[in-house]
Amino acid sequence: MQSPPNGVPVTELPPMQWLKSRRSNPSGNCVELAELPGGSGIAVRNSRHPDGPALIYTVDEIEAFVLGARDGDFDHLIPPSRGRD
């Protein structure tokens, strides 16, 4: 199965289970991810605009991002006042 194009409206995607981080806050400042059918990619959307556009990434791209985040590669993007733990 070919992945849909980046920026596809979520309403044009098949039904999927969207997940967000347990660190998300109640004001909706988070992104949600869902696996595309057949493992053909990962869709990412803004939780405040659930029917808006979704960015589509390969599993390898998401793996690189998650592992980089786990390694602290993006820590400099979070202001020190946010109390990282």
Protein backbone atom coordinates (compact mmCIF):
# COMPACT_ATOMS: atom_id res chain seq x y z
CA MET A 1 0.00 0.00 0.00
CA GLN A 2 1.33 3.40 -0.96
CA SER A 3 1.34 6.09 1.72
CA PRO A 4 -0.93 9.09 1.25
CA PRO A 5 0.76 12.41 0.44
CA ASN A 6 1.93 14.81 3.15
CA GLY A 7 -0.69 17.34 4.12
CA VAL A 8 -3.59 15.00 3.38
CA PRO A 9 -6.74 15.95 5.30
CA VAL A 10 -7.29 13.47 8.13
CA THR A 11 -10.85 13.00 6.87
CA GLU A 12 -9.39 11.36 3.74
CA LEU A 13 -7.47 8.76 5.77
CA PRO A 14 -8.96 5.45 6.86
CA PRO A 15 -10.11 5.20 10.49
CA MET A 16 -7.07 4.86 12.74
CA GLN A 17 -6.28 4.81 16.44
CA TRP A 18 -4.62 8.14 17.25
CA LEU A 19 -2.23 8.22 20.22
CA LYS A 20 -0.66 11.09 22.11
CA SER A 21 2.01 11.31 24.75
CA ARG A 22 1.09 10.86 28.39
CA ARG A 23 2.98 14.13 28.87
CA SER A 24 0.39 16.03 26.84
CA ASN A 25 -1.49 18.69 28.74
CA PRO A 26 -5.25 19.31 28.96
CA SER A 27 -5.07 22.48 26.86
CA GLY A 28 -4.44 20.38 23.75
CA ASN A 29 -0.82 21.33 23.12
CA CYS A 30 0.18 18.04 21.61
CA VAL A 31 0.57 16.02 18.46
CA GLU A 32 -1.03 12.65 17.84
CA LEU A 33 0.36 9.74 15.87
CA ALA A 34 -1.34 6.80 14.17
CA GLU A 35 -0.05 3.82 12.23
CA LEU A 36 -1.32 3.69 8.66
CA PRO A 37 -2.97 0.43 7.60
CA GLY A 38 -0.54 -2.27 6.58
CA GLY A 39 2.33 -0.58 8.40
CA SER A 40 2.93 1.68 5.39
CA GLY A 41 3.78 4.72 7.51
CA ILE A 42 2.92 6.91 10.47
CA ALA A 43 0.52 9.84 10.32
CA VAL A 44 1.05 12.86 12.60
CA ARG A 45 -1.60 15.49 13.31
CA ASN A 46 -2.17 18.50 15.54
CA SER A 47 -4.58 17.46 18.31
CA ARG A 48 -6.24 20.88 18.25
CA HIS A 49 -7.16 20.36 14.59
CA PRO A 50 -8.08 16.66 14.40
CA ASP A 51 -9.59 16.95 10.91
CA GLY A 52 -6.78 19.13 9.59
CA PRO A 53 -3.78 18.00 7.57
CA ALA A 54 -1.67 15.03 8.56
CA LEU A 55 2.02 14.67 7.89
CA ILE A 56 3.01 11.19 6.75
CA TYR A 57 6.35 9.65 7.74
CA THR A 58 7.96 6.29 7.15
CA VAL A 59 8.48 4.00 10.11
CA ASP A 60 12.25 4.55 9.71
CA GLU A 61 11.80 8.34 9.92
CA ILE A 62 9.71 8.07 13.10
CA GLU A 63 12.21 5.63 14.57
CA ALA A 64 15.08 8.06 13.93
CA PHE A 65 13.11 10.90 15.53
CA VAL A 66 12.02 8.93 18.61
CA LEU A 67 15.49 7.53 19.20
CA GLY A 68 17.01 10.99 18.74
CA ALA A 69 14.52 12.43 21.24
CA ARG A 70 15.34 9.62 23.65
CA ASP A 71 19.05 10.43 23.27
CA GLY A 72 18.41 14.12 24.02
CA ASP A 73 19.13 15.42 20.52
CA PHE A 74 16.29 17.96 20.77
CA ASP A 75 16.56 18.96 24.43
CA HIS A 76 17.88 22.38 23.42
CA LEU A 77 14.45 23.15 21.88
CA ILE A 78 12.71 23.04 25.29
CA PRO A 79 13.12 26.19 27.39
CA PRO A 80 14.89 25.54 30.72
CA SER A 81 11.92 27.11 32.54
CA ARG A 82 9.76 24.13 31.53
CA GLY A 83 11.37 21.97 34.22
CA ARG A 84 12.59 19.05 32.14
CA ASP A 85 12.97 15.80 34.02
